[in-house]
Amino acid sequence: MTRVFTVQIYDRHTKTHSTIQAPEDRYILTTAEAQGKTLAFACRNGACTTCAVRVISGEVYQPEAMGLSPKLREMGYALLCVSYARSDLQVETQDEDEVYELQFGRYFGRGKVRRGVVLDED
Protein backbone atom coordinates (compact mmCIF):
# COMPACT_ATOMS: atom_id res chain seq x y z
CA MET A 1 0.00 0.00 0.00
CA THR A 2 1.35 3.42 -1.00
CA ARG A 3 1.82 5.89 1.82
CA VAL A 4 0.57 9.46 1.31
CA PHE A 5 2.12 12.45 3.06
CA THR A 6 0.96 16.02 3.65
CA VAL A 7 3.29 18.56 2.02
CA GLN A 8 2.98 22.21 3.00
CA ILE A 9 4.62 24.56 0.51
CA TYR A 10 5.32 28.23 1.18
CA ASP A 11 5.98 30.10 -2.07
CA ARG A 12 8.26 33.04 -1.24
CA HIS A 13 7.58 34.72 -4.58
CA THR A 14 3.78 34.80 -4.31
CA LYS A 15 3.73 34.75 -0.49
CA THR A 16 1.17 31.94 -0.58
CA HIS A 17 0.81 28.66 1.28
CA SER A 18 -0.34 25.46 -0.43
CA THR A 19 -0.97 22.03 0.98
CA ILE A 20 -0.96 18.86 -1.09
CA GLN A 21 -1.23 15.15 -0.45
CA ALA A 22 1.83 13.46 -1.98
CA PRO A 23 2.10 9.71 -2.52
CA GLU A 24 5.54 8.33 -1.72
CA ASP A 25 5.95 7.03 -5.29
CA ARG A 26 5.23 10.26 -7.22
CA TYR A 27 7.34 13.38 -7.63
CA ILE A 28 6.15 16.25 -5.46
CA LEU A 29 6.05 18.73 -8.37
CA THR A 30 3.94 16.42 -10.55
CA THR A 31 1.61 15.73 -7.64
CA ALA A 32 1.21 19.44 -6.88
CA GLU A 33 0.33 20.19 -10.51
CA ALA A 34 -2.22 17.37 -10.56
CA GLN A 35 -3.80 19.00 -7.51
CA GLY A 36 -4.04 22.40 -9.25
CA LYS A 37 -0.99 24.08 -7.70
CA THR A 38 1.35 26.19 -9.82
CA LEU A 39 5.02 25.98 -8.87
CA ALA A 40 8.14 27.16 -10.66
CA PHE A 41 10.04 24.62 -12.75
CA ALA A 42 12.14 24.49 -15.91
CA CYS A 43 13.84 21.21 -16.77
CA ARG A 44 11.84 18.58 -14.80
CA ASN A 45 15.01 16.49 -14.76
CA GLY A 46 16.72 17.56 -11.54
CA ALA A 47 19.41 19.46 -13.44
CA CYS A 48 18.56 23.11 -12.80
CA THR A 49 17.55 24.91 -9.61
CA THR A 50 14.27 26.52 -10.70
CA CYS A 51 12.14 24.24 -8.49
CA ALA A 52 14.50 24.36 -5.50
CA VAL A 53 13.06 24.42 -2.01
CA ARG A 54 14.47 24.45 1.48
CA VAL A 55 13.09 21.65 3.61
CA ILE A 56 11.93 23.17 6.89
CA SER A 57 10.77 19.87 8.36
CA GLY A 58 10.38 16.33 7.15
CA GLU A 59 12.30 14.13 4.78
CA VAL A 60 12.58 13.84 0.99
CA TYR A 61 14.21 11.26 -1.23
CA GLN A 62 15.81 12.76 -4.35
CA PRO A 63 18.22 10.33 -6.01
CA GLU A 64 18.02 12.08 -9.40
CA ALA A 65 18.74 15.61 -8.09
CA MET A 66 21.97 16.09 -10.03
CA GLY A 67 21.46 19.87 -9.93
CA LEU A 68 22.22 19.95 -6.19
CA SER A 69 25.54 19.14 -4.63
CA PRO A 70 25.66 16.73 -1.70
CA LYS A 71 26.51 19.72 0.52
CA LEU A 72 23.35 21.61 -0.48
CA ARG A 73 21.27 18.48 0.07
CA GLU A 74 22.79 18.19 3.56
CA MET A 75 21.86 21.85 4.12
CA GLY A 76 18.23 20.92 3.45
CA TYR A 77 17.76 21.89 -0.19
CA ALA A 78 15.67 19.76 -2.52
CA LEU A 79 14.42 19.87 -6.11
CA LEU A 80 10.66 19.27 -6.20
CA CYS A 81 10.72 17.96 -9.77
CA VAL A 82 12.64 14.86 -8.66
CA SER A 83 11.78 14.64 -4.96
CA TYR A 84 9.60 12.06 -3.26
CA ALA A 85 8.05 12.71 0.15
CA ARG A 86 9.23 10.30 2.82
CA SER A 87 7.28 11.98 5.64
CA ASP A 88 4.97 14.93 6.12
CA LEU A 89 6.88 17.99 4.91
CA GLN A 90 7.12 21.72 5.22
CA VAL A 91 9.12 23.35 2.42
CA GLU A 92 9.82 26.89 1.26
CA THR A 93 10.57 27.83 -2.34
CA GLN A 94 13.94 29.42 -3.00
CA ASP A 95 15.20 31.93 -5.50
CA GLU A 96 16.84 30.05 -8.37
CA ASP A 97 19.76 32.49 -8.56
CA GLU A 98 20.32 32.23 -4.82
CA VAL A 99 20.64 28.44 -4.96
CA TYR A 100 22.79 28.60 -8.09
CA GLU A 101 25.12 31.07 -6.37
CA LEU A 102 25.38 28.83 -3.29
CA GLN A 103 26.27 25.90 -5.48
CA PHE A 104 28.54 27.47 -8.08
CA GLY A 105 29.54 30.89 -6.71
CA ARG A 106 32.94 29.65 -5.60
CA TYR A 107 33.77 28.79 -9.22
CA PHE A 108 32.90 32.20 -10.66
CA GLY A 109 33.62 35.81 -9.76
CA ARG A 110 31.53 37.43 -7.08
CA GLY A 111 28.04 37.45 -8.57
CA LYS A 112 25.20 39.90 -8.11
CA VAL A 113 23.24 37.57 -5.84
CA ARG A 114 23.59 37.17 -2.09
CA ARG A 115 21.51 34.95 0.13
CA GLY A 116 18.03 36.47 0.12
CA VAL A 117 19.04 39.64 -1.73
CA VAL A 118 19.41 40.51 -5.42
CA LEU A 119 21.78 43.45 -5.91
CA ASP A 120 21.33 46.11 -8.59
CA GLU A 121 23.45 45.88 -11.73
CA ASP A 122 24.95 49.36 -11.17
C-alpha atoms as a PDB file:
ATOM      1  CA  MET A   1       0.000   0.000   0.000  1.00  0.00           C
ATOM      2  CA  THR A   2       1.353   3.419  -1.001  1.00  0.00           C
ATOM      3  CA  ARG A   3       1.816   5.895   1.823  1.00  0.00           C
ATOM      4  CA  VAL A   4       0.569   9.463   1.315  1.00  0.00           C
ATOM      5  CA  PHE A   5       2.120  12.452   3.057  1.00  0.00           C
ATOM      6  CA  THR A   6       0.965  16.021   3.648  1.00  0.00           C
ATOM      7  CA  VAL A   7       3.294  18.558   2.021  1.00  0.00           C
ATOM      8  CA  GLN A   8       2.979  22.209   3.000  1.00  0.00           C
ATOM      9  CA  ILE A   9       4.618  24.564   0.506  1.00  0.00           C
ATOM     10  CA  TYR A  10       5.321  28.228   1.175  1.00  0.00           C
ATOM     11  CA  ASP A  11       5.983  30.100  -2.072  1.00  0.00           C
ATOM     12  CA  ARG A  12       8.264  33.044  -1.239  1.00  0.00           C
ATOM     13  CA  HIS A  13       7.578  34.720  -4.580  1.00  0.00           C
ATOM     14  CA  THR A  14       3.778  34.804  -4.308  1.00  0.00           C
ATOM     15  CA  LYS A  15       3.726  34.750  -0.489  1.00  0.00           C
ATOM     16  CA  THR A  16       1.171  31.938  -0.580  1.00  0.00           C
ATOM     17  CA  HIS A  17       0.809  28.663   1.281  1.00  0.00           C
ATOM     18  CA  SER A  18      -0.336  25.458  -0.433  1.00  0.00           C
ATOM     19  CA  THR A  19      -0.966  22.026   0.979  1.00  0.00           C
ATOM     20  CA  ILE A  20      -0.961  18.857  -1.092  1.00  0.00           C
ATOM     21  CA  GLN A  21      -1.230  15.152  -0.445  1.00  0.00           C
ATOM     22  CA  ALA A  22       1.828  13.463  -1.977  1.00  0.00           C
ATOM     23  CA  PRO A  23       2.098   9.708  -2.518  1.00  0.00           C
ATOM     24  CA  GLU A  24       5.542   8.332  -1.718  1.00  0.00           C
ATOM     25  CA  ASP A  25       5.949   7.032  -5.287  1.00  0.00           C
ATOM     26  CA  ARG A  26       5.231  10.263  -7.224  1.00  0.00           C
ATOM     27  CA  TYR A  27       7.337  13.377  -7.629  1.00  0.00           C
ATOM     28  CA  ILE A  28       6.150  16.248  -5.460  1.00  0.00           C
ATOM     29  CA  LEU A  29       6.049  18.727  -8.373  1.00  0.00           C
ATOM     30  CA  THR A  30       3.941  16.419 -10.551  1.00  0.00           C
ATOM     31  CA  THR A  31       1.613  15.731  -7.644  1.00  0.00           C
ATOM     32  CA  ALA A  32       1.208  19.440  -6.882  1.00  0.00           C
ATOM     33  CA  GLU A  33       0.328  20.189 -10.505  1.00  0.00           C
ATOM     34  CA  ALA A  34      -2.219  17.367 -10.562  1.00  0.00           C
ATOM     35  CA  GLN A  35      -3.805  19.004  -7.512  1.00  0.00           C
ATOM     36  CA  GLY A  36      -4.040  22.401  -9.249  1.00  0.00           C
ATOM     37  CA  LYS A  37      -0.992  24.080  -7.704  1.00  0.00           C
ATOM     38  CA  THR A  38       1.350  26.186  -9.816  1.00  0.00           C
ATOM     39  CA  LEU A  39       5.018  25.981  -8.871  1.00  0.00           C
ATOM     40  CA  ALA A  40       8.136  27.159 -10.663  1.00  0.00           C
ATOM     41  CA  PHE A  41      10.039  24.615 -12.752  1.00  0.00           C
ATOM     42  CA  ALA A  42      12.144  24.491 -15.908  1.00  0.00           C
ATOM     43  CA  CYS A  43      13.838  21.205 -16.768  1.00  0.00           C
ATOM     44  CA  ARG A  44      11.837  18.582 -14.799  1.00  0.00           C
ATOM     45  CA  ASN A  45      15.015  16.494 -14.761  1.00  0.00           C
ATOM     46  CA  GLY A  46      16.724  17.564 -11.536  1.00  0.00           C
ATOM     47  CA  ALA A  47      19.406  19.458 -13.439  1.00  0.00           C
ATOM     48  CA  CYS A  48      18.564  23.114 -12.803  1.00  0.00           C
ATOM     49  CA  THR A  49      17.546  24.909  -9.611  1.00  0.00           C
ATOM     50  CA  THR A  50      14.275  26.518 -10.705  1.00  0.00           C
ATOM     51  CA  CYS A  51      12.141  24.241  -8.489  1.00  0.00           C
ATOM     52  CA  ALA A  52      14.503  24.358  -5.500  1.00  0.00           C
ATOM     53  CA  VAL A  53      13.062  24.421  -2.011  1.00  0.00           C
ATOM     54  CA  ARG A  54      14.474  24.452   1.482  1.00  0.00           C
ATOM     55  CA  VAL A  55      13.086  21.646   3.606  1.00  0.00           C
ATOM     56  CA  ILE A  56      11.927  23.172   6.886  1.00  0.00           C
ATOM     57  CA  SER A  57      10.769  19.873   8.360  1.00  0.00           C
ATOM     58  CA  GLY A  58      10.377  16.334   7.151  1.00  0.00           C
ATOM     59  CA  GLU A  59      12.299  14.129   4.775  1.00  0.00           C
ATOM     60  CA  VAL A  60      12.577  13.842   0.989  1.00  0.00           C
ATOM     61  CA  TYR A  61      14.207  11.258  -1.231  1.00  0.00           C
ATOM     62  CA  GLN A  62      15.810  12.758  -4.346  1.00  0.00           C
ATOM     63  CA  PRO A  63      18.225  10.329  -6.011  1.00  0.00           C
ATOM     64  CA  GLU A  64      18.018  12.079  -9.404  1.00  0.00           C
ATOM     65  CA  ALA A  65      18.745  15.608  -8.093  1.00  0.00           C
ATOM     66  CA  MET A  66      21.974  16.091 -10.026  1.00  0.00           C
ATOM     67  CA  GLY A  67      21.456  19.871  -9.926  1.00  0.00           C
ATOM     68  CA  LEU A  68      22.219  19.947  -6.190  1.00  0.00           C
ATOM     69  CA  SER A  69      25.544  19.141  -4.633  1.00  0.00           C
ATOM     70  CA  PRO A  70      25.656  16.730  -1.696  1.00  0.00           C
ATOM     71  CA  LYS A  71      26.513  19.716   0.517  1.00  0.00           C
ATOM     72  CA  LEU A  72      23.347  21.605  -0.477  1.00  0.00           C
ATOM     73  CA  ARG A  73      21.271  18.476   0.071  1.00  0.00           C
ATOM     74  CA  GLU A  74      22.786  18.190   3.555  1.00  0.00           C
ATOM     75  CA  MET A  75      21.858  21.848   4.117  1.00  0.00           C
ATOM     76  CA  GLY A  76      18.233  20.924   3.453  1.00  0.00           C
ATOM     77  CA  TYR A  77      17.764  21.890  -0.188  1.00  0.00           C
ATOM     78  CA  ALA A  78      15.673  19.764  -2.521  1.00  0.00           C
ATOM     79  CA  LEU A  79      14.420  19.873  -6.113  1.00  0.00           C
ATOM     80  CA  LEU A  80      10.658  19.268  -6.196  1.00  0.00           C
ATOM     81  CA  CYS A  81      10.718  17.962  -9.767  1.00  0.00           C
ATOM     82  CA  VAL A  82      12.637  14.862  -8.663  1.00  0.00           C
ATOM     83  CA  SER A  83      11.778  14.643  -4.956  1.00  0.00           C
ATOM     84  CA  TYR A  84       9.603  12.057  -3.263  1.00  0.00           C
ATOM     85  CA  ALA A  85       8.047  12.710   0.145  1.00  0.00           C
ATOM     86  CA  ARG A  86       9.231  10.305   2.823  1.00  0.00           C
ATOM     87  CA  SER A  87       7.281  11.978   5.641  1.00  0.00           C
ATOM     88  CA  ASP A  88       4.966  14.931   6.121  1.00  0.00           C
ATOM     89  CA  LEU A  89       6.881  17.985   4.907  1.00  0.00           C
ATOM     90  CA  GLN A  90       7.121  21.722   5.216  1.00  0.00           C
ATOM     91  CA  VAL A  91       9.119  23.349   2.417  1.00  0.00           C
ATOM     92  CA  GLU A  92       9.816  26.893   1.256  1.00  0.00           C
ATOM     93  CA  THR A  93      10.570  27.834  -2.343  1.00  0.00           C
ATOM     94  CA  GLN A  94      13.945  29.421  -2.999  1.00  0.00           C
ATOM     95  CA  ASP A  95      15.203  31.934  -5.499  1.00  0.00           C
ATOM     96  CA  GLU A  96      16.842  30.049  -8.374  1.00  0.00           C
ATOM     97  CA  ASP A  97      19.762  32.486  -8.560  1.00  0.00           C
ATOM     98  CA  GLU A  98      20.316  32.228  -4.818  1.00  0.00           C
ATOM     99  CA  VAL A  99      20.645  28.436  -4.963  1.00  0.00           C
ATOM    100  CA  TYR A 100      22.792  28.604  -8.095  1.00  0.00           C
ATOM    101  CA  GLU A 101      25.119  31.066  -6.369  1.00  0.00           C
ATOM    102  CA  LEU A 102      25.380  28.832  -3.288  1.00  0.00           C
ATOM    103  CA  GLN A 103      26.271  25.901  -5.482  1.00  0.00           C
ATOM    104  CA  PHE A 104      28.536  27.473  -8.085  1.00  0.00           C
ATOM    105  CA  GLY A 105      29.539  30.888  -6.711  1.00  0.00           C
ATOM    106  CA  ARG A 106      32.939  29.651  -5.598  1.00  0.00           C
ATOM    107  CA  TYR A 107      33.772  28.793  -9.224  1.00  0.00           C
ATOM    108  CA  PHE A 108      32.903  32.196 -10.655  1.00  0.00           C
ATOM    109  CA  GLY A 109      33.624  35.806  -9.756  1.00  0.00           C
ATOM    110  CA  ARG A 110      31.529  37.434  -7.075  1.00  0.00           C
ATOM    111  CA  GLY A 111      28.041  37.449  -8.567  1.00  0.00           C
ATOM    112  CA  LYS A 112      25.202  39.901  -8.107  1.00  0.00           C
ATOM    113  CA  VAL A 113      23.236  37.567  -5.841  1.00  0.00           C
ATOM    114  CA  ARG A 114      23.588  37.167  -2.086  1.00  0.00           C
ATOM    115  CA  ARG A 115      21.507  34.947   0.127  1.00  0.00           C
ATOM    116  CA  GLY A 116      18.029  36.467   0.125  1.00  0.00           C
ATOM    117  CA  VAL A 117      19.045  39.635  -1.733  1.00  0.00           C
ATOM    118  CA  VAL A 118      19.413  40.512  -5.421  1.00  0.00           C
ATOM    119  CA  LEU A 119      21.781  43.453  -5.912  1.00  0.00           C
ATOM    120  CA  ASP A 120      21.330  46.110  -8.593  1.00  0.00           C
ATOM    121  CA  GLU A 121      23.449  45.881 -11.725  1.00  0.00           C
ATOM    122  CA  ASP A 122      24.951  49.355 -11.169  1.00  0.00           C
END
